[in-house]
């Protein structure tokens, strides 16, 4: 999930991430932490 603060060089709204987008991002993060399937990483530890 991504947000858009500018499209075609023009600001959307006030150019900041809004409260609804933040709530959606937080809800999605919580959902995937609780019920998501871990994806293996190719990074070495």
C-alpha atoms as a PDB file:
ATOM      1  CA  UNK A   1       0.000   0.000   0.000  1.00  0.00           C
ATOM      2  CA  UNK A   2       1.422   3.347  -1.009  1.00  0.00           C
ATOM      3  CA  UNK A   3       0.240   6.903  -0.738  1.00  0.00           C
ATOM      4  CA  UNK A   4       0.299   9.687  -3.317  1.00  0.00           C
ATOM      5  CA  UNK A   5       1.096  13.247  -2.319  1.00  0.00           C
ATOM      6  CA  UNK A   6       1.881  14.410  -5.853  1.00  0.00           C
ATOM      7  CA  UNK A   7       0.614  13.307  -9.275  1.00  0.00           C
ATOM      8  CA  UNK A   8       1.922  14.724 -12.559  1.00  0.00           C
ATOM      9  CA  UNK A   9       3.853  17.323 -10.592  1.00  0.00           C
ATOM     10  CA  UNK A  10       0.742  18.570  -8.779  1.00  0.00           C
ATOM     11  CA  UNK A  11       0.162  18.179  -5.056  1.00  0.00           C
ATOM     12  CA  UNK A  12      -2.747  16.062  -3.909  1.00  0.00           C
ATOM     13  CA  UNK A  13      -4.562  17.757  -1.029  1.00  0.00           C
ATOM     14  CA  UNK A  14      -2.018  19.533   1.144  1.00  0.00           C
ATOM     15  CA  UNK A  15       0.894  17.381  -0.043  1.00  0.00           C
ATOM     16  CA  UNK A  16       1.037  15.369   3.180  1.00  0.00           C
ATOM     17  CA  UNK A  17      -0.007  11.834   4.040  1.00  0.00           C
ATOM     18  CA  UNK A  18      -3.479  12.090   5.572  1.00  0.00           C
ATOM     19  CA  UNK A  19      -4.956  10.519   8.686  1.00  0.00           C
ATOM     20  CA  UNK A  20      -7.097   7.983   6.782  1.00  0.00           C
ATOM     21  CA  UNK A  21      -4.055   6.716   4.864  1.00  0.00           C
ATOM     22  CA  UNK A  22      -2.087   6.417   8.108  1.00  0.00           C
ATOM     23  CA  UNK A  23      -4.926   4.451   9.732  1.00  0.00           C
ATOM     24  CA  UNK A  24      -5.136   2.115   6.733  1.00  0.00           C
ATOM     25  CA  UNK A  25      -1.357   1.591   6.736  1.00  0.00           C
ATOM     26  CA  UNK A  26      -1.353   0.807  10.467  1.00  0.00           C
ATOM     27  CA  UNK A  27      -4.314  -1.582  10.154  1.00  0.00           C
ATOM     28  CA  UNK A  28      -2.663  -3.398   7.237  1.00  0.00           C
ATOM     29  CA  UNK A  29       0.647  -3.667   9.109  1.00  0.00           C
ATOM     30  CA  UNK A  30      -1.101  -5.093  12.187  1.00  0.00           C
ATOM     31  CA  UNK A  31      -3.103  -7.563  10.090  1.00  0.00           C
ATOM     32  CA  UNK A  32      -0.042  -8.868   8.256  1.00  0.00           C
ATOM     33  CA  UNK A  33       1.995  -9.131  11.459  1.00  0.00           C
ATOM     34  CA  UNK A  34      -0.733 -11.233  13.053  1.00  0.00           C
ATOM     35  CA  UNK A  35      -1.838 -13.408  10.139  1.00  0.00           C
ATOM     36  CA  UNK A  36       0.697 -12.973   7.364  1.00  0.00           C
ATOM     37  CA  UNK A  37       3.116 -15.590   6.135  1.00  0.00           C
ATOM     38  CA  UNK A  38       6.798 -14.670   6.584  1.00  0.00           C
ATOM     39  CA  UNK A  39       8.659 -14.153   3.317  1.00  0.00           C
ATOM     40  CA  UNK A  40      12.254 -15.436   3.317  1.00  0.00           C
ATOM     41  CA  UNK A  41      14.930 -12.820   2.808  1.00  0.00           C
ATOM     42  CA  UNK A  42      18.027 -13.187   0.647  1.00  0.00           C
ATOM     43  CA  UNK A  43      19.998 -10.993   3.024  1.00  0.00           C
ATOM     44  CA  UNK A  44      22.837 -12.561   4.947  1.00  0.00           C
ATOM     45  CA  UNK A  45      22.732 -12.152   8.737  1.00  0.00           C
END
